[in-house]
Amino acid sequence: MTDVRVVTKVPFVRPSRPGDVVVVQPQLMEQTVADWLLLPDGSLDESQELATLVKVALMTDRLAGPDDVLPDPDSVDRRGWWGDYEADVIWDGWPVGTKNWLLLRAKISDPYSMEGDTVQRAEQYTREAVQPLVAKKICSRVDVKAVRVGVERIDVLVRIYRGPLMEIELQFQDLWNAAIMGE
């Protein structure tokens, strides 16, 4: 049993393998929510604790920096979670979430664009979200690889290791809607 499900009010691409998490087209992401799946007794399945931690890190929004370009030029909402405020000082924590939400309206661009390579940014934001797991010794190593797999899509593969063996592998698919505007 997986402990997090992605639910959307509109059709979306189904995961190709168990454990894959699919993020729908950017214009539909606002209608997508993650929900906890509970055991019959109402508790979370603790056998999936590392996968749960990684999914929370990658499926929640990290606070954007003051210099980050927000996807909506008319908004000042930098998102994030209020519990991140001085989390390192208060409870030896770290900022939760990823800045991949900043790519909601981004075109997939090359390294020469004003904001930089979109594929590289997706990889950087994802790595930044899971790096605290290594720093806090929750896992021994994290591999993150972002690849453009089509005109409208970037896949991000995350592998988490405990010791020398891979513990979990999650693939996050971001579907881009640059060419489908007329549909």
C-alpha atoms as a PDB file:
ATOM      1  CA  MET A   1       0.000   0.000   0.000  1.00  0.00           C
ATOM      2  CA  THR A   2       1.304   3.438  -0.854  1.00  0.00           C
ATOM      3  CA  ASP A   3       0.756   6.105   1.753  1.00  0.00           C
ATOM      4  CA  VAL A   4       0.097   9.137  -0.436  1.00  0.00           C
ATOM      5  CA  ARG A   5      -2.232   9.417  -3.375  1.00  0.00           C
ATOM      6  CA  VAL A   6      -2.547  12.200  -5.904  1.00  0.00           C
ATOM      7  CA  VAL A   7      -6.123  13.208  -6.567  1.00  0.00           C
ATOM      8  CA  THR A   8      -7.313  15.599  -9.228  1.00  0.00           C
ATOM      9  CA  LYS A   9     -10.743  16.673 -10.390  1.00  0.00           C
ATOM     10  CA  VAL A  10      -9.669  16.282 -14.018  1.00  0.00           C
ATOM     11  CA  PRO A  11      -8.197  13.335 -15.972  1.00  0.00           C
ATOM     12  CA  PHE A  12      -4.437  12.923 -15.757  1.00  0.00           C
ATOM     13  CA  VAL A  13      -1.695  10.509 -16.767  1.00  0.00           C
ATOM     14  CA  ARG A  14      -1.614   7.384 -14.594  1.00  0.00           C
ATOM     15  CA  PRO A  15       1.718   6.249 -13.121  1.00  0.00           C
ATOM     16  CA  SER A  16       3.509   3.700 -15.282  1.00  0.00           C
ATOM     17  CA  ARG A  17       4.973   1.810 -12.294  1.00  0.00           C
ATOM     18  CA  PRO A  18       3.921   1.473  -8.650  1.00  0.00           C
ATOM     19  CA  GLY A  19       5.633   4.201  -6.638  1.00  0.00           C
ATOM     20  CA  ASP A  20       5.598   6.705  -9.508  1.00  0.00           C
ATOM     21  CA  VAL A  21       4.007  10.029  -8.706  1.00  0.00           C
ATOM     22  CA  VAL A  22       2.569  11.907 -11.642  1.00  0.00           C
ATOM     23  CA  VAL A  23       2.075  15.648 -11.564  1.00  0.00           C
ATOM     24  CA  VAL A  24      -0.503  16.813 -14.052  1.00  0.00           C
ATOM     25  CA  GLN A  25      -0.301  19.588 -16.608  1.00  0.00           C
ATOM     26  CA  PRO A  26       0.721  22.897 -15.017  1.00  0.00           C
ATOM     27  CA  GLN A  27      -2.643  24.558 -15.608  1.00  0.00           C
ATOM     28  CA  LEU A  28      -4.308  21.674 -13.736  1.00  0.00           C
ATOM     29  CA  MET A  29      -1.866  21.527 -10.817  1.00  0.00           C
ATOM     30  CA  GLU A  30      -3.927  23.990  -8.802  1.00  0.00           C
ATOM     31  CA  GLN A  31      -6.755  21.414  -8.879  1.00  0.00           C
ATOM     32  CA  THR A  32      -4.475  18.579  -7.694  1.00  0.00           C
ATOM     33  CA  VAL A  33      -4.127  17.600  -4.060  1.00  0.00           C
ATOM     34  CA  ALA A  34      -2.210  14.950  -2.166  1.00  0.00           C
ATOM     35  CA  ASP A  35      -4.083  12.945   0.432  1.00  0.00           C
ATOM     36  CA  TRP A  36      -2.957  10.471   3.082  1.00  0.00           C
ATOM     37  CA  LEU A  37      -4.060   6.865   2.765  1.00  0.00           C
ATOM     38  CA  LEU A  38      -4.513   5.395   6.204  1.00  0.00           C
ATOM     39  CA  LEU A  39      -4.368   1.841   7.540  1.00  0.00           C
ATOM     40  CA  PRO A  40      -7.640   0.311   8.746  1.00  0.00           C
ATOM     41  CA  ASP A  41      -6.846   1.411  12.326  1.00  0.00           C
ATOM     42  CA  GLY A  42      -6.479   5.046  11.182  1.00  0.00           C
ATOM     43  CA  SER A  43      -2.676   5.265  11.415  1.00  0.00           C
ATOM     44  CA  LEU A  44      -0.099   5.830   8.680  1.00  0.00           C
ATOM     45  CA  ASP A  45       1.831   2.859   7.316  1.00  0.00           C
ATOM     46  CA  GLU A  46       5.204   3.351   9.041  1.00  0.00           C
ATOM     47  CA  SER A  47       6.912   0.881   6.715  1.00  0.00           C
ATOM     48  CA  GLN A  48       6.804   3.625   4.098  1.00  0.00           C
ATOM     49  CA  GLU A  49       8.226   6.394   6.290  1.00  0.00           C
ATOM     50  CA  LEU A  50      11.139   7.334   4.001  1.00  0.00           C
ATOM     51  CA  ALA A  51       8.908   7.342   0.915  1.00  0.00           C
ATOM     52  CA  THR A  52       6.403   9.478   2.821  1.00  0.00           C
ATOM     53  CA  LEU A  53       9.118  11.960   3.818  1.00  0.00           C
ATOM     54  CA  VAL A  54      10.353  12.218   0.235  1.00  0.00           C
ATOM     55  CA  LYS A  55       6.833  12.659  -1.131  1.00  0.00           C
ATOM     56  CA  VAL A  56       6.105  15.423   1.387  1.00  0.00           C
ATOM     57  CA  ALA A  57       9.390  17.114   0.439  1.00  0.00           C
ATOM     58  CA  LEU A  58       8.551  16.952  -3.264  1.00  0.00           C
ATOM     59  CA  MET A  59       4.776  17.480  -3.240  1.00  0.00           C
ATOM     60  CA  THR A  60       4.637  20.590  -1.066  1.00  0.00           C
ATOM     61  CA  ASP A  61       5.663  24.140  -1.897  1.00  0.00           C
ATOM     62  CA  ARG A  62       8.811  25.632  -0.398  1.00  0.00           C
ATOM     63  CA  LEU A  63       8.934  29.341   0.326  1.00  0.00           C
ATOM     64  CA  ALA A  64      10.298  31.236  -2.672  1.00  0.00           C
ATOM     65  CA  GLY A  65      13.257  33.509  -2.063  1.00  0.00           C
ATOM     66  CA  PRO A  66      12.846  37.278  -2.383  1.00  0.00           C
ATOM     67  CA  ASP A  67      14.736  37.188  -5.708  1.00  0.00           C
ATOM     68  CA  ASP A  68      12.853  34.224  -7.221  1.00  0.00           C
ATOM     69  CA  VAL A  69      10.621  35.013 -10.203  1.00  0.00           C
ATOM     70  CA  LEU A  70       7.052  34.051  -9.287  1.00  0.00           C
ATOM     71  CA  PRO A  71       4.928  32.264 -11.925  1.00  0.00           C
ATOM     72  CA  ASP A  72       2.168  34.869 -11.614  1.00  0.00           C
ATOM     73  CA  PRO A  73       3.559  38.370 -12.177  1.00  0.00           C
ATOM     74  CA  ASP A  74       0.492  39.855 -10.434  1.00  0.00           C
ATOM     75  CA  SER A  75       1.016  37.866  -7.220  1.00  0.00           C
ATOM     76  CA  VAL A  76       3.252  38.427  -4.218  1.00  0.00           C
ATOM     77  CA  ASP A  77       2.434  34.992  -2.707  1.00  0.00           C
ATOM     78  CA  ARG A  78       5.759  33.238  -2.106  1.00  0.00           C
ATOM     79  CA  ARG A  79       3.900  30.173  -0.721  1.00  0.00           C
ATOM     80  CA  GLY A  80       5.804  27.978   1.732  1.00  0.00           C
ATOM     81  CA  TRP A  81       4.766  26.685   5.152  1.00  0.00           C
ATOM     82  CA  TRP A  82       4.568  28.830   8.271  1.00  0.00           C
ATOM     83  CA  GLY A  83       6.236  26.023  10.296  1.00  0.00           C
ATOM     84  CA  ASP A  84       9.472  26.574   8.370  1.00  0.00           C
ATOM     85  CA  TYR A  85      10.063  29.855  10.195  1.00  0.00           C
ATOM     86  CA  GLU A  86      13.319  29.280  12.104  1.00  0.00           C
ATOM     87  CA  ALA A  87      12.695  25.515  11.928  1.00  0.00           C
ATOM     88  CA  ASP A  88      16.407  24.806  12.292  1.00  0.00           C
ATOM     89  CA  VAL A  89      16.603  26.804  15.525  1.00  0.00           C
ATOM     90  CA  ILE A  90      13.296  25.764  17.075  1.00  0.00           C
ATOM     91  CA  TRP A  91      13.158  22.031  16.335  1.00  0.00           C
ATOM     92  CA  ASP A  92      16.353  21.157  14.431  1.00  0.00           C
ATOM     93  CA  GLY A  93      14.310  21.013  11.241  1.00  0.00           C
ATOM     94  CA  TRP A  94      14.693  22.352   7.719  1.00  0.00           C
ATOM     95  CA  PRO A  95      12.490  24.107   5.147  1.00  0.00           C
ATOM     96  CA  VAL A  96       9.945  21.636   3.776  1.00  0.00           C
ATOM     97  CA  GLY A  97       8.958  21.403   0.128  1.00  0.00           C
ATOM     98  CA  THR A  98      10.322  22.162  -3.285  1.00  0.00           C
ATOM     99  CA  LYS A  99      10.417  25.261  -5.420  1.00  0.00           C
ATOM    100  CA  ASN A 100       9.240  23.315  -8.485  1.00  0.00           C
ATOM    101  CA  TRP A 101       5.982  25.252  -8.220  1.00  0.00           C
ATOM    102  CA  LEU A 102       7.954  28.243  -9.573  1.00  0.00           C
ATOM    103  CA  LEU A 103       8.018  26.390 -12.916  1.00  0.00           C
ATOM    104  CA  LEU A 104       4.203  26.272 -13.214  1.00  0.00           C
ATOM    105  CA  ARG A 105       4.090  28.753 -16.101  1.00  0.00           C
ATOM    106  CA  ALA A 106       7.670  28.378 -17.272  1.00  0.00           C
ATOM    107  CA  LYS A 107       8.553  27.455 -20.822  1.00  0.00           C
ATOM    108  CA  ILE A 108      11.095  24.693 -21.169  1.00  0.00           C
ATOM    109  CA  SER A 109      14.068  26.854 -22.077  1.00  0.00           C
ATOM    110  CA  ASP A 110      17.794  26.456 -22.621  1.00  0.00           C
ATOM    111  CA  PRO A 111      20.673  27.719 -20.438  1.00  0.00           C
ATOM    112  CA  TYR A 112      20.817  30.992 -22.378  1.00  0.00           C
ATOM    113  CA  SER A 113      17.358  32.202 -21.386  1.00  0.00           C
ATOM    114  CA  MET A 114      17.013  34.963 -18.801  1.00  0.00           C
ATOM    115  CA  GLU A 115      15.877  32.561 -16.037  1.00  0.00           C
ATOM    116  CA  GLY A 116      18.198  29.719 -17.076  1.00  0.00           C
ATOM    117  CA  ASP A 117      17.755  26.136 -18.194  1.00  0.00           C
ATOM    118  CA  THR A 118      14.325  24.871 -17.065  1.00  0.00           C
ATOM    119  CA  VAL A 119      15.460  21.239 -16.883  1.00  0.00           C
ATOM    120  CA  GLN A 120      18.423  22.244 -14.720  1.00  0.00           C
ATOM    121  CA  ARG A 121      16.157  24.341 -12.477  1.00  0.00           C
ATOM    122  CA  ALA A 122      13.761  21.395 -11.998  1.00  0.00           C
ATOM    123  CA  GLU A 123      16.717  19.218 -11.004  1.00  0.00           C
ATOM    124  CA  GLN A 124      18.182  21.890  -8.718  1.00  0.00           C
ATOM    125  CA  TYR A 125      14.865  22.558  -6.938  1.00  0.00           C
ATOM    126  CA  THR A 126      14.274  18.829  -6.439  1.00  0.00           C
ATOM    127  CA  ARG A 127      17.810  18.242  -5.144  1.00  0.00           C
ATOM    128  CA  GLU A 128      17.442  21.192  -2.753  1.00  0.00           C
ATOM    129  CA  ALA A 129      14.232  19.641  -1.372  1.00  0.00           C
ATOM    130  CA  VAL A 130      15.762  16.223  -0.601  1.00  0.00           C
ATOM    131  CA  GLN A 131      19.315  17.277   0.372  1.00  0.00           C
ATOM    132  CA  PRO A 132      18.374  17.771   4.055  1.00  0.00           C
ATOM    133  CA  LEU A 133      17.762  14.007   4.224  1.00  0.00           C
ATOM    134  CA  VAL A 134      21.496  13.479   3.664  1.00  0.00           C
ATOM    135  CA  ALA A 135      22.524  16.365   5.928  1.00  0.00           C
ATOM    136  CA  LYS A 136      20.397  14.955   8.785  1.00  0.00           C
ATOM    137  CA  LYS A 137      21.695  11.404   8.103  1.00  0.00           C
ATOM    138  CA  ILE A 138      18.215  10.069   7.326  1.00  0.00           C
ATOM    139  CA  CYS A 139      19.713   8.574   4.182  1.00  0.00           C
ATOM    140  CA  SER A 140      23.255   8.123   2.913  1.00  0.00           C
ATOM    141  CA  ARG A 141      22.914   9.466  -0.626  1.00  0.00           C
ATOM    142  CA  VAL A 142      20.447  11.103  -2.980  1.00  0.00           C
ATOM    143  CA  ASP A 143      20.583  10.960  -6.785  1.00  0.00           C
ATOM    144  CA  VAL A 144      18.433  13.406  -8.746  1.00  0.00           C
ATOM    145  CA  LYS A 145      18.246  13.498 -12.534  1.00  0.00           C
ATOM    146  CA  ALA A 146      15.960  15.689 -14.620  1.00  0.00           C
ATOM    147  CA  VAL A 147      15.491  14.912 -18.293  1.00  0.00           C
ATOM    148  CA  ARG A 148      13.450  16.553 -21.006  1.00  0.00           C
ATOM    149  CA  VAL A 149      11.482  13.704 -22.582  1.00  0.00           C
ATOM    150  CA  GLY A 150       9.382  15.646 -25.064  1.00  0.00           C
ATOM    151  CA  VAL A 151       8.339  19.065 -26.245  1.00  0.00           C
ATOM    152  CA  GLU A 152       6.138  19.569 -23.186  1.00  0.00           C
ATOM    153  CA  ARG A 153       7.554  17.298 -20.499  1.00  0.00           C
ATOM    154  CA  ILE A 154      10.351  17.056 -17.952  1.00  0.00           C
ATOM    155  CA  ASP A 155      10.734  13.910 -15.836  1.00  0.00           C
ATOM    156  CA  VAL A 156      12.621  14.051 -12.555  1.00  0.00           C
ATOM    157  CA  LEU A 157      13.936  10.786 -11.137  1.00  0.00           C
ATOM    158  CA  VAL A 158      14.847  10.667  -7.439  1.00  0.00           C
ATOM    159  CA  ARG A 159      16.775   7.761  -5.911  1.00  0.00           C
ATOM    160  CA  ILE A 160      17.288   7.608  -2.161  1.00  0.00           C
ATOM    161  CA  TYR A 161      19.936   5.336  -0.636  1.00  0.00           C
ATOM    162  CA  ARG A 162      20.293   3.993   2.885  1.00  0.00           C
ATOM    163  CA  GLY A 163      23.811   2.626   3.073  1.00  0.00           C
ATOM    164  CA  PRO A 164      25.062   1.176  -0.215  1.00  0.00           C
ATOM    165  CA  LEU A 165      21.632  -0.050  -1.368  1.00  0.00           C
ATOM    166  CA  MET A 166      18.886   1.954  -3.036  1.00  0.00           C
ATOM    167  CA  GLU A 167      15.909   2.286  -0.700  1.00  0.00           C
ATOM    168  CA  ILE A 168      13.359   4.007  -2.931  1.00  0.00           C
ATOM    169  CA  GLU A 169      13.036   5.327  -6.467  1.00  0.00           C
ATOM    170  CA  LEU A 170      10.364   7.855  -7.394  1.00  0.00           C
ATOM    171  CA  GLN A 171       9.730   9.386 -10.787  1.00  0.00           C
ATOM    172  CA  PHE A 172       7.969  12.724 -10.959  1.00  0.00           C
ATOM    173  CA  GLN A 173       6.571  13.779 -14.308  1.00  0.00           C
ATOM    174  CA  ASP A 174       5.856  17.412 -15.062  1.00  0.00           C
ATOM    175  CA  LEU A 175       3.754  17.861 -18.165  1.00  0.00           C
ATOM    176  CA  TRP A 176       4.133  21.171 -19.930  1.00  0.00           C
ATOM    177  CA  ASN A 177       1.387  22.792 -21.971  1.00  0.00           C
ATOM    178  CA  ALA A 178       3.221  25.120 -24.364  1.00  0.00           C
ATOM    179  CA  ALA A 179       2.009  23.535 -27.609  1.00  0.00           C
ATOM    180  CA  ILE A 180      -1.502  22.434 -26.550  1.00  0.00           C
ATOM    181  CA  MET A 181      -2.884  25.935 -25.990  1.00  0.00           C
ATOM    182  CA  GLY A 182      -5.513  25.558 -28.713  1.00  0.00           C
ATOM    183  CA  GLU A 183      -6.911  22.235 -27.505  1.00  0.00           C
END
